[in-house]
Amino acid sequence: MATQLTNRRKRKPPSLATINENCTGCAGSPVCQTLCPVENCMQLIHDDEVNPFGYIWVDPLKCIGCKQCISKGATDVPGGANIFLVGCPWDAIDMVPLAEVEEIYGELEY
């Protein structure tokens, strides 16, 4: 029997990455965006009024709560580069319990 592809998740993640006011957008080349395994989950938003380099927005429907954006240690990124990440240098990424995120956005459609 063939399996049917669906956008629905098997389970909700216990926590989601959220970006706080410390985000600088890493001068337009955010490392967290490169480390995220989910395509288009972490999006660089350009807003000259807030920050000339932009800031990151995390799509709460795409974040899987894997914590790779805040992990420590060496990691391979596409293109063969090896980056040693010591977490966000500005402490701009918080892992927030799903219940708190849903208080802001309402119940997320998983």
PDB file of N, CA and C in Angstrom:
ATOM      1  N   MET A   1       0.846  -1.175   0.000  1.00  0.00           N
ATOM      2  CA  MET A   1       0.000   0.000   0.000  1.00  0.00           C
ATOM      3  C   MET A   1       0.894   1.242   0.000  1.00  0.00           C
ATOM      4  N   ALA A   2       0.637   2.166  -0.879  1.00  0.00           N
ATOM      5  CA  ALA A   2       1.428   3.393  -0.976  1.00  0.00           C
ATOM      6  C   ALA A   2       1.050   4.342   0.156  1.00  0.00           C
ATOM      7  N   THR A   3       2.051   5.060   0.625  1.00  0.00           N
ATOM      8  CA  THR A   3       1.767   6.032   1.679  1.00  0.00           C
ATOM      9  C   THR A   3       1.365   7.352   1.048  1.00  0.00           C
ATOM     10  N   GLN A   4       0.463   8.021   1.689  1.00  0.00           N
ATOM     11  CA  GLN A   4      -0.026   9.289   1.183  1.00  0.00           C
ATOM     12  C   GLN A   4       0.755  10.415   1.851  1.00  0.00           C
ATOM     13  N   LEU A   5       1.266  11.352   1.057  1.00  0.00           N
ATOM     14  CA  LEU A   5       1.971  12.489   1.605  1.00  0.00           C
ATOM     15  C   LEU A   5       0.972  13.500   2.141  1.00  0.00           C
ATOM     16  N   THR A   6       1.306  14.097   3.258  1.00  0.00           N
ATOM     17  CA  THR A   6       0.431  15.076   3.874  1.00  0.00           C
ATOM     18  C   THR A   6       1.274  16.160   4.514  1.00  0.00           C
ATOM     19  N   ASN A   7       0.719  17.322   4.682  1.00  0.00           N
ATOM     20  CA  ASN A   7       1.407  18.405   5.362  1.00  0.00           C
ATOM     21  C   ASN A   7       1.201  18.346   6.870  1.00  0.00           C
ATOM     22  N   ARG A   8       0.342  17.461   7.319  1.00  0.00           N
ATOM     23  CA  ARG A   8       0.070  17.352   8.744  1.00  0.00           C
ATOM     24  C   ARG A   8       1.212  16.633   9.445  1.00  0.00           C
ATOM     25  N   ARG A   9       1.510  17.074  10.634  1.00  0.00           N
ATOM     26  CA  ARG A   9       2.576  16.471  11.423  1.00  0.00           C
ATOM     27  C   ARG A   9       2.042  15.291  12.210  1.00  0.00           C
ATOM     28  N   LYS A  10       2.944  14.391  12.558  1.00  0.00           N
ATOM     29  CA  LYS A  10       2.559  13.258  13.387  1.00  0.00           C
ATOM     30  C   LYS A  10       2.311  13.698  14.821  1.00  0.00           C
ATOM     31  N   ARG A  11       3.065  14.712  15.253  1.00  0.00           N
ATOM     32  CA  ARG A  11       2.880  15.237  16.607  1.00  0.00           C
ATOM     33  C   ARG A  11       3.341  16.685  16.650  1.00  0.00           C
ATOM     34  N   LYS A  12       2.859  17.392  17.640  1.00  0.00           N
ATOM     35  CA  LYS A  12       3.262  18.785  17.818  1.00  0.00           C
ATOM     36  C   LYS A  12       4.623  18.822  18.511  1.00  0.00           C
ATOM     37  N   PRO A  13       5.483  19.775  18.141  1.00  0.00           N
ATOM     38  CA  PRO A  13       6.759  19.904  18.844  1.00  0.00           C
ATOM     39  C   PRO A  13       6.522  20.472  20.239  1.00  0.00           C
ATOM     40  N   PRO A  14       7.358  20.104  21.205  1.00  0.00           N
ATOM     41  CA  PRO A  14       7.166  20.629  22.568  1.00  0.00           C
ATOM     42  C   PRO A  14       7.493  22.115  22.678  1.00  0.00           C
ATOM     43  N   SER A  15       8.398  22.595  21.829  1.00  0.00           N
ATOM     44  CA  SER A  15       8.754  24.012  21.856  1.00  0.00           C
ATOM     45  C   SER A  15       9.107  24.465  20.449  1.00  0.00           C
ATOM     46  N   LEU A  16       9.030  25.771  20.246  1.00  0.00           N
ATOM     47  CA  LEU A  16       9.328  26.360  18.947  1.00  0.00           C
ATOM     48  C   LEU A  16      10.361  27.465  19.116  1.00  0.00           C
ATOM     49  N   ALA A  17      11.170  27.671  18.083  1.00  0.00           N
ATOM     50  CA  ALA A  17      12.133  28.767  18.089  1.00  0.00           C
ATOM     51  C   ALA A  17      11.384  30.070  17.860  1.00  0.00           C
ATOM     52  N   THR A  18      11.710  31.058  18.656  1.00  0.00           N
ATOM     53  CA  THR A  18      11.168  32.395  18.456  1.00  0.00           C
ATOM     54  C   THR A  18      12.329  33.377  18.520  1.00  0.00           C
ATOM     55  N   ILE A  19      12.210  34.462  17.820  1.00  0.00           N
ATOM     56  CA  ILE A  19      13.268  35.460  17.756  1.00  0.00           C
ATOM     57  C   ILE A  19      12.874  36.630  18.651  1.00  0.00           C
ATOM     58  N   ASN A  20      13.814  37.048  19.489  1.00  0.00           N
ATOM     59  CA  ASN A  20      13.526  38.186  20.363  1.00  0.00           C
ATOM     60  C   ASN A  20      14.121  39.467  19.779  1.00  0.00           C
ATOM     61  N   GLU A  21      13.999  40.562  20.505  1.00  0.00           N
ATOM     62  CA  GLU A  21      14.411  41.880  20.005  1.00  0.00           C
ATOM     63  C   GLU A  21      15.912  42.025  19.827  1.00  0.00           C
ATOM     64  N   ASN A  22      16.708  41.054  20.264  1.00  0.00           N
ATOM     65  CA  ASN A  22      18.162  41.134  20.113  1.00  0.00           C
ATOM     66  C   ASN A  22      18.641  40.794  18.705  1.00  0.00           C
ATOM     67  N   CYS A  23      17.768  40.301  17.834  1.00  0.00           N
ATOM     68  CA  CYS A  23      18.181  39.854  16.500  1.00  0.00           C
ATOM     69  C   CYS A  23      18.713  41.021  15.668  1.00  0.00           C
ATOM     70  N   THR A  24      19.890  40.820  15.098  1.00  0.00           N
ATOM     71  CA  THR A  24      20.511  41.817  14.233  1.00  0.00           C
ATOM     72  C   THR A  24      20.504  41.383  12.771  1.00  0.00           C
ATOM     73  N   GLY A  25      20.012  40.191  12.501  1.00  0.00           N
ATOM     74  CA  GLY A  25      20.031  39.673  11.139  1.00  0.00           C
ATOM     75  C   GLY A  25      21.424  39.297  10.680  1.00  0.00           C
ATOM     76  N   CYS A  26      22.379  39.271  11.608  1.00  0.00           N
ATOM     77  CA  CYS A  26      23.782  38.922  11.297  1.00  0.00           C
ATOM     78  C   CYS A  26      24.281  39.668  10.061  1.00  0.00           C
ATOM     79  N   ALA A  27      23.992  40.951  10.001  1.00  0.00           N
ATOM     80  CA  ALA A  27      24.429  41.811   8.892  1.00  0.00           C
ATOM     81  C   ALA A  27      23.974  41.282   7.540  1.00  0.00           C
ATOM     82  N   GLY A  28      22.801  40.663   7.511  1.00  0.00           N
ATOM     83  CA  GLY A  28      22.229  40.190   6.257  1.00  0.00           C
ATOM     84  C   GLY A  28      22.581  38.761   5.889  1.00  0.00           C
ATOM     85  N   SER A  29      23.401  38.076   6.684  1.00  0.00           N
ATOM     86  CA  SER A  29      23.764  36.675   6.433  1.00  0.00           C
ATOM     87  C   SER A  29      23.587  35.849   7.700  1.00  0.00           C
ATOM     88  N   PRO A  30      22.350  35.643   8.137  1.00  0.00           N
ATOM     89  CA  PRO A  30      22.118  34.946   9.398  1.00  0.00           C
ATOM     90  C   PRO A  30      22.514  33.468   9.353  1.00  0.00           C
ATOM     91  N   VAL A  31      23.341  33.069  10.306  1.00  0.00           N
ATOM     92  CA  VAL A  31      23.796  31.686  10.391  1.00  0.00           C
ATOM     93  C   VAL A  31      22.653  30.768  10.775  1.00  0.00           C
ATOM     94  N   CYS A  32      21.762  31.212  11.653  1.00  0.00           N
ATOM     95  CA  CYS A  32      20.662  30.355  12.100  1.00  0.00           C
ATOM     96  C   CYS A  32      19.810  29.890  10.925  1.00  0.00           C
ATOM     97  N   GLN A  33      19.654  30.745   9.934  1.00  0.00           N
ATOM     98  CA  GLN A  33      18.864  30.418   8.750  1.00  0.00           C
ATOM     99  C   GLN A  33      19.518  29.286   7.971  1.00  0.00           C
ATOM    100  N   THR A  34      20.836  29.296   7.906  1.00  0.00           N
ATOM    101  CA  THR A  34      21.582  28.259   7.191  1.00  0.00           C
ATOM    102  C   THR A  34      21.518  26.924   7.925  1.00  0.00           C
ATOM    103  N   LEU A  35      21.497  26.963   9.251  1.00  0.00           N
ATOM    104  CA  LEU A  35      21.513  25.745  10.042  1.00  0.00           C
ATOM    105  C   LEU A  35      20.157  25.069  10.163  1.00  0.00           C
ATOM    106  N   CYS A  36      19.105  25.788   9.916  1.00  0.00           N
ATOM    107  CA  CYS A  36      17.755  25.226  10.043  1.00  0.00           C
ATOM    108  C   CYS A  36      17.532  24.172   8.956  1.00  0.00           C
ATOM    109  N   PRO A  37      17.086  22.956   9.346  1.00  0.00           N
ATOM    110  CA  PRO A  37      16.874  21.905   8.354  1.00  0.00           C
ATOM    111  C   PRO A  37      15.562  22.028   7.572  1.00  0.00           C
ATOM    112  N   VAL A  38      14.708  22.975   7.958  1.00  0.00           N
ATOM    113  CA  VAL A  38      13.404  23.134   7.314  1.00  0.00           C
ATOM    114  C   VAL A  38      13.451  24.329   6.374  1.00  0.00           C
ATOM    115  N   GLU A  39      13.183  24.076   5.114  1.00  0.00           N
ATOM    116  CA  GLU A  39      13.245  25.122   4.100  1.00  0.00           C
ATOM    117  C   GLU A  39      12.252  26.245   4.395  1.00  0.00           C
ATOM    118  N   ASN A  40      12.736  27.473   4.315  1.00  0.00           N
ATOM    119  CA  ASN A  40      11.938  28.688   4.513  1.00  0.00           C
ATOM    120  C   ASN A  40      11.295  28.804   5.889  1.00  0.00           C
ATOM    121  N   CYS A  41      11.822  28.117   6.875  1.00  0.00           N
ATOM    122  CA  CYS A  41      11.296  28.245   8.238  1.00  0.00           C
ATOM    123  C   CYS A  41      11.747  29.554   8.858  1.00  0.00           C
ATOM    124  N   MET A  42      13.034  29.852   8.727  1.00  0.00           N
ATOM    125  CA  MET A  42      13.593  31.089   9.272  1.00  0.00           C
ATOM    126  C   MET A  42      13.771  32.058   8.111  1.00  0.00           C
ATOM    127  N   GLN A  43      13.034  33.154   8.146  1.00  0.00           N
ATOM    128  CA  GLN A  43      13.034  34.072   7.024  1.00  0.00           C
ATOM    129  C   GLN A  43      13.631  35.413   7.426  1.00  0.00           C
ATOM    130  N   LEU A  44      14.535  35.923   6.584  1.00  0.00           N
ATOM    131  CA  LEU A  44      15.145  37.227   6.812  1.00  0.00           C
ATOM    132  C   LEU A  44      14.186  38.298   6.316  1.00  0.00           C
ATOM    133  N   ILE A  45      13.755  39.158   7.229  1.00  0.00           N
ATOM    134  CA  ILE A  45      12.822  40.240   6.911  1.00  0.00           C
ATOM    135  C   ILE A  45      13.614  41.537   6.867  1.00  0.00           C
ATOM    136  N   HIS A  46      13.542  42.246   5.757  1.00  0.00           N
ATOM    137  CA  HIS A  46      14.236  43.525   5.630  1.00  0.00           C
ATOM    138  C   HIS A  46      13.293  44.640   6.061  1.00  0.00           C
ATOM    139  N   ASP A  47      13.753  45.438   7.018  1.00  0.00           N
ATOM    140  CA  ASP A  47      12.960  46.543   7.536  1.00  0.00           C
ATOM    141  C   ASP A  47      13.917  47.634   7.988  1.00  0.00           C
ATOM    142  N   ASP A  48      14.143  48.629   7.134  1.00  0.00           N
ATOM    143  CA  ASP A  48      15.103  49.691   7.424  1.00  0.00           C
ATOM    144  C   ASP A  48      14.742  50.493   8.675  1.00  0.00           C
ATOM    145  N   GLU A  49      13.447  50.542   9.040  1.00  0.00           N
ATOM    146  CA  GLU A  49      13.051  51.281  10.231  1.00  0.00           C
ATOM    147  C   GLU A  49      13.489  50.565  11.506  1.00  0.00           C
ATOM    148  N   VAL A  50      13.536  49.233  11.475  1.00  0.00           N
ATOM    149  CA  VAL A  50      13.908  48.451  12.651  1.00  0.00           C
ATOM    150  C   VAL A  50      15.402  48.186  12.680  1.00  0.00           C
ATOM    151  N   ASN A  51      15.937  47.743  11.560  1.00  0.00           N
ATOM    152  CA  ASN A  51      17.342  47.369  11.482  1.00  0.00           C
ATOM    153  C   ASN A  51      17.727  47.378  10.009  1.00  0.00           C
ATOM    154  N   PRO A  52      18.786  48.074   9.630  1.00  0.00           N
ATOM    155  CA  PRO A  52      19.136  48.143   8.205  1.00  0.00           C
ATOM    156  C   PRO A  52      19.520  46.787   7.607  1.00  0.00           C
ATOM    157  N   PHE A  53      19.924  45.827   8.433  1.00  0.00           N
ATOM    158  CA  PHE A  53      20.287  44.511   7.929  1.00  0.00           C
ATOM    159  C   PHE A  53      19.128  43.528   7.988  1.00  0.00           C
ATOM    160  N   GLY A  54      18.053  43.897   8.630  1.00  0.00           N
ATOM    161  CA  GLY A  54      16.903  43.021   8.761  1.00  0.00           C
ATOM    162  C   GLY A  54      16.935  42.217  10.042  1.00  0.00           C
ATOM    163  N   TYR A  55      15.966  41.330  10.163  1.00  0.00           N
ATOM    164  CA  TYR A  55      15.862  40.452  11.321  1.00  0.00           C
ATOM    165  C   TYR A  55      15.210  39.148  10.869  1.00  0.00           C
ATOM    166  N   ILE A  56      15.311  38.135  11.698  1.00  0.00           N
ATOM    167  CA  ILE A  56      14.758  36.825  11.363  1.00  0.00           C
ATOM    168  C   ILE A  56      13.354  36.686  11.934  1.00  0.00           C
ATOM    169  N   TRP A  57      12.470  36.088  11.149  1.00  0.00           N
ATOM    170  CA  TRP A  57      11.142  35.695  11.607  1.00  0.00           C
ATOM    171  C   TRP A  57      11.047  34.188  11.426  1.00  0.00           C
ATOM    172  N   VAL A  58      10.567  33.495  12.453  1.00  0.00           N
ATOM    173  CA  VAL A  58      10.406  32.043  12.392  1.00  0.00           C
ATOM    174  C   VAL A  58       8.940  31.729  12.129  1.00  0.00           C
ATOM    175  N   ASP A  59       8.689  30.948  11.086  1.00  0.00           N
ATOM    176  CA  ASP A  59       7.328  30.531  10.765  1.00  0.00           C
ATOM    177  C   ASP A  59       6.917  29.460  11.778  1.00  0.00           C
ATOM    178  N   PRO A  60       5.943  29.750  12.647  1.00  0.00           N
ATOM    179  CA  PRO A  60       5.574  28.776  13.684  1.00  0.00           C
ATOM    180  C   PRO A  60       4.958  27.500  13.130  1.00  0.00           C
ATOM    181  N   LEU A  61       4.457  27.533  11.897  1.00  0.00           N
ATOM    182  CA  LEU A  61       3.895  26.328  11.303  1.00  0.00           C
ATOM    183  C   LEU A  61       4.967  25.429  10.685  1.00  0.00           C
ATOM    184  N   LYS A  62       6.165  25.968  10.473  1.00  0.00           N
ATOM    185  CA  LYS A  62       7.241  25.172   9.879  1.00  0.00           C
ATOM    186  C   LYS A  62       8.272  24.720  10.896  1.00  0.00           C
ATOM    187  N   CYS A  63       8.435  25.457  11.994  1.00  0.00           N
ATOM    188  CA  CYS A  63       9.451  25.101  12.996  1.00  0.00           C
ATOM    189  C   CYS A  63       9.121  23.738  13.597  1.00  0.00           C
ATOM    190  N   ILE A  64      10.126  22.874  13.645  1.00  0.00           N
ATOM    191  CA  ILE A  64       9.936  21.532  14.204  1.00  0.00           C
ATOM    192  C   ILE A  64      10.531  21.404  15.605  1.00  0.00           C
ATOM    193  N   GLY A  65      11.057  22.499  16.132  1.00  0.00           N
ATOM    194  CA  GLY A  65      11.598  22.495  17.487  1.00  0.00           C
ATOM    195  C   GLY A  65      12.868  21.692  17.660  1.00  0.00           C
ATOM    196  N   CYS A  66      13.657  21.548  16.606  1.00  0.00           N
ATOM    197  CA  CYS A  66      14.849  20.688  16.645  1.00  0.00           C
ATOM    198  C   CYS A  66      16.029  21.313  17.383  1.00  0.00           C
ATOM    199  N   LYS A  67      16.008  22.627  17.592  1.00  0.00           N
ATOM    200  CA  LYS A  67      17.042  23.374  18.315  1.00  0.00           C
ATOM    201  C   LYS A  67      18.377  23.462  17.574  1.00  0.00           C
ATOM    202  N   GLN A  68      18.417  23.127  16.300  1.00  0.00           N
ATOM    203  CA  GLN A  68      19.673  23.251  15.565  1.00  0.00           C
ATOM    204  C   GLN A  68      20.101  24.702  15.432  1.00  0.00           C
ATOM    205  N   CYS A  69      19.174  25.620  15.452  1.00  0.00           N
ATOM    206  CA  CYS A  69      19.506  27.040  15.334  1.00  0.00           C
ATOM    207  C   CYS A  69      20.192  27.578  16.582  1.00  0.00           C
ATOM    208  N   ILE A  70      20.075  26.886  17.701  1.00  0.00           N
ATOM    209  CA  ILE A  70      20.725  27.333  18.936  1.00  0.00           C
ATOM    210  C   ILE A  70      21.767  26.336  19.431  1.00  0.00           C
ATOM    211  N   SER A  71      22.034  25.291  18.649  1.00  0.00           N
ATOM    212  CA  SER A  71      22.932  24.235  19.098  1.00  0.00           C
ATOM    213  C   SER A  71      24.371  24.702  19.156  1.00  0.00           C
ATOM    214  N   LYS A  72      25.149  23.954  19.895  1.00  0.00           N
ATOM    215  CA  LYS A  72      26.568  24.239  20.010  1.00  0.00           C
ATOM    216  C   LYS A  72      27.340  23.109  19.344  1.00  0.00           C
ATOM    217  N   GLY A  73      28.454  23.440  18.747  1.00  0.00           N
ATOM    218  CA  GLY A  73      29.288  22.412  18.151  1.00  0.00           C
ATOM    219  C   GLY A  73      29.435  22.581  16.652  1.00  0.00           C
ATOM    220  N   ALA A  74      30.294  21.754  16.084  1.00  0.00           N
ATOM    221  CA  ALA A  74      30.555  21.808  14.648  1.00  0.00           C
ATOM    222  C   ALA A  74      29.386  21.200  13.894  1.00  0.00           C
ATOM    223  N   THR A  75      29.116  21.758  12.749  1.00  0.00           N
ATOM    224  CA  THR A  75      28.035  21.256  11.914  1.00  0.00           C
ATOM    225  C   THR A  75      28.394  21.463  10.452  1.00  0.00           C
ATOM    226  N   ASP A  76      27.938  20.581   9.605  1.00  0.00           N
ATOM    227  CA  ASP A  76      28.139  20.729   8.176  1.00  0.00           C
ATOM    228  C   ASP A  76      26.956  21.479   7.593  1.00  0.00           C
ATOM    229  N   VAL A  77      27.236  22.406   6.717  1.00  0.00           N
ATOM    230  CA  VAL A  77      26.186  23.150   6.039  1.00  0.00           C
ATOM    231  C   VAL A  77      26.301  22.883   4.548  1.00  0.00           C
ATOM    232  N   PRO A  78      25.235  23.137   3.799  1.00  0.00           N
ATOM    233  CA  PRO A  78      25.309  22.928   2.355  1.00  0.00           C
ATOM    234  C   PRO A  78      26.494  23.666   1.746  1.00  0.00           C
ATOM    235  N   GLY A  79      27.156  23.043   0.809  1.00  0.00           N
ATOM    236  CA  GLY A  79      28.319  23.645   0.170  1.00  0.00           C
ATOM    237  C   GLY A  79      29.629  23.138   0.737  1.00  0.00           C
ATOM    238  N   GLY A  80      29.547  22.257   1.734  1.00  0.00           N
ATOM    239  CA  GLY A  80      30.747  21.639   2.276  1.00  0.00           C
ATOM    240  C   GLY A  80      31.454  22.422   3.365  1.00  0.00           C
ATOM    241  N   ALA A  81      30.934  23.592   3.729  1.00  0.00           N
ATOM    242  CA  ALA A  81      31.581  24.370   4.785  1.00  0.00           C
ATOM    243  C   ALA A  81      31.303  23.737   6.139  1.00  0.00           C
ATOM    244  N   ASN A  82      32.206  23.903   7.064  1.00  0.00           N
ATOM    245  CA  ASN A  82      32.024  23.408   8.422  1.00  0.00           C
ATOM    246  C   ASN A  82      32.024  24.621   9.345  1.00  0.00           C
ATOM    247  N   ILE A  83      30.911  24.850  10.013  1.00  0.00           N
ATOM    248  CA  ILE A  83      30.756  26.018  10.881  1.00  0.00           C
ATOM    249  C   ILE A  83      30.734  25.558  12.324  1.00  0.00           C
ATOM    250  N   PHE A  84      31.451  26.258  13.196  1.00  0.00           N
ATOM    251  CA  PHE A  84      31.366  25.984  14.618  1.00  0.00           C
ATOM    252  C   PHE A  84      30.463  27.042  15.218  1.00  0.00           C
ATOM    253  N   LEU A  85      29.308  26.626  15.656  1.00  0.00           N
ATOM    254  CA  LEU A  85      28.308  27.542  16.182  1.00  0.00           C
ATOM    255  C   LEU A  85      28.287  27.462  17.698  1.00  0.00           C
ATOM    256  N   VAL A  86      28.348  28.593  18.331  1.00  0.00           N
ATOM    257  CA  VAL A  86      28.288  28.649  19.785  1.00  0.00           C
ATOM    258  C   VAL A  86      26.956  29.296  20.167  1.00  0.00           C
ATOM    259  N   GLY A  87      25.929  28.952  19.461  1.00  0.00           N
ATOM    260  CA  GLY A  87      24.637  29.565  19.686  1.00  0.00           C
ATOM    261  C   GLY A  87      24.613  30.957  19.079  1.00  0.00           C
ATOM    262  N   CYS A  88      23.489  31.600  19.112  1.00  0.00           N
ATOM    263  CA  CYS A  88      23.366  32.951  18.566  1.00  0.00           C
ATOM    264  C   CYS A  88      24.238  33.895  19.384  1.00  0.00           C
ATOM    265  N   PRO A  89      25.133  34.642  18.737  1.00  0.00           N
ATOM    266  CA  PRO A  89      26.008  35.542  19.490  1.00  0.00           C
ATOM    267  C   PRO A  89      25.259  36.668  20.194  1.00  0.00           C
ATOM    268  N   TRP A  90      24.030  36.924  19.809  1.00  0.00           N
ATOM    269  CA  TRP A  90      23.232  37.978  20.429  1.00  0.00           C
ATOM    270  C   TRP A  90      22.119  37.418  21.307  1.00  0.00           C
ATOM    271  N   ASP A  91      22.114  36.107  21.521  1.00  0.00           N
ATOM    272  CA  ASP A  91      21.050  35.454  22.304  1.00  0.00           C
ATOM    273  C   ASP A  91      19.670  35.882  21.819  1.00  0.00           C
ATOM    274  N   ALA A  92      19.495  35.861  20.508  1.00  0.00           N
ATOM    275  CA  ALA A  92      18.252  36.328  19.910  1.00  0.00           C
ATOM    276  C   ALA A  92      17.243  35.217  19.650  1.00  0.00           C
ATOM    277  N   ILE A  93      17.616  33.959  19.924  1.00  0.00           N
ATOM    278  CA  ILE A  93      16.707  32.847  19.668  1.00  0.00           C
ATOM    279  C   ILE A  93      16.313  32.224  21.000  1.00  0.00           C
ATOM    280  N   ASP A  94      15.021  32.140  21.235  1.00  0.00           N
ATOM    281  CA  ASP A  94      14.493  31.504  22.434  1.00  0.00           C
ATOM    282  C   ASP A  94      13.666  30.295  22.014  1.00  0.00           C
ATOM    283  N   MET A  95      13.795  29.212  22.756  1.00  0.00           N
ATOM    284  CA  MET A  95      12.914  28.064  22.557  1.00  0.00           C
ATOM    285  C   MET A  95      11.757  28.240  23.536  1.00  0.00           C
ATOM    286  N   VAL A  96      10.573  28.438  22.994  1.00  0.00           N
ATOM    287  CA  VAL A  96       9.399  28.751  23.803  1.00  0.00           C
ATOM    288  C   VAL A  96       8.440  27.560  23.762  1.00  0.00           C
ATOM    289  N   PRO A  97       7.895  27.165  24.926  1.00  0.00           N
ATOM    290  CA  PRO A  97       6.927  26.068  24.928  1.00  0.00           C
ATOM    291  C   PRO A  97       5.774  26.344  23.962  1.00  0.00           C
ATOM    292  N   LEU A  98       5.327  25.307  23.293  1.00  0.00           N
ATOM    293  CA  LEU A  98       4.277  25.445  22.287  1.00  0.00           C
ATOM    294  C   LEU A  98       3.034  26.124  22.856  1.00  0.00           C
ATOM    295  N   ALA A  99       2.680  25.814  24.088  1.00  0.00           N
ATOM    296  CA  ALA A  99       1.482  26.412  24.689  1.00  0.00           C
ATOM    297  C   ALA A  99       1.583  27.935  24.730  1.00  0.00           C
ATOM    298  N   GLU A 100       2.776  28.466  25.010  1.00  0.00           N
ATOM    299  CA  GLU A 100       2.960  29.922  25.039  1.00  0.00           C
ATOM    300  C   GLU A 100       2.858  30.527  23.644  1.00  0.00           C
ATOM    301  N   VAL A 101       3.385  29.841  22.646  1.00  0.00           N
ATOM    302  CA  VAL A 101       3.289  30.325  21.263  1.00  0.00           C
ATOM    303  C   VAL A 101       1.827  30.338  20.821  1.00  0.00           C
ATOM    304  N   GLU A 102       1.083  29.297  21.201  1.00  0.00           N
ATOM    305  CA  GLU A 102      -0.321  29.219  20.802  1.00  0.00           C
ATOM    306  C   GLU A 102      -1.179  30.264  21.520  1.00  0.00           C
ATOM    307  N   GLU A 103      -0.725  30.768  22.657  1.00  0.00           N
ATOM    308  CA  GLU A 103      -1.441  31.871  23.303  1.00  0.00           C
ATOM    309  C   GLU A 103      -1.375  33.125  22.432  1.00  0.00           C
ATOM    310  N   ILE A 104      -0.282  33.294  21.694  1.00  0.00           N
ATOM    311  CA  ILE A 104      -0.094  34.460  20.828  1.00  0.00           C
ATOM    312  C   ILE A 104      -0.801  34.272  19.489  1.00  0.00           C
ATOM    313  N   TYR A 105      -0.552  33.125  18.817  1.00  0.00           N
ATOM    314  CA  TYR A 105      -1.076  32.884  17.478  1.00  0.00           C
ATOM    315  C   TYR A 105      -2.407  32.144  17.444  1.00  0.00           C
ATOM    316  N   GLY A 106      -2.840  31.627  18.564  1.00  0.00           N
ATOM    317  CA  GLY A 106      -3.989  30.741  18.588  1.00  0.00           C
ATOM    318  C   GLY A 106      -3.509  29.319  18.309  1.00  0.00           C
ATOM    319  N   GLU A 107      -4.393  28.357  18.356  1.00  0.00           N
ATOM    320  CA  GLU A 107      -3.993  26.971  18.142  1.00  0.00           C
ATOM    321  C   GLU A 107      -3.450  26.803  16.727  1.00  0.00           C
ATOM    322  N   LEU A 108      -2.233  26.306  16.627  1.00  0.00           N
ATOM    323  CA  LEU A 108      -1.590  26.129  15.326  1.00  0.00           C
ATOM    324  C   LEU A 108      -2.129  24.873  14.651  1.00  0.00           C
ATOM    325  N   GLU A 109      -2.299  24.946  13.350  1.00  0.00           N
ATOM    326  CA  GLU A 109      -2.870  23.853  12.571  1.00  0.00           C
ATOM    327  C   GLU A 109      -1.786  22.856  12.210  1.00  0.00           C
ATOM    328  N   TYR A 110      -1.653  21.824  12.987  1.00  0.00           N
ATOM    329  CA  TYR A 110      -0.654  20.790  12.701  1.00  0.00           C
ATOM    330  C   TYR A 110      -1.345  19.597  12.120  1.00  0.00           C
TER     331      TYR A 110
END
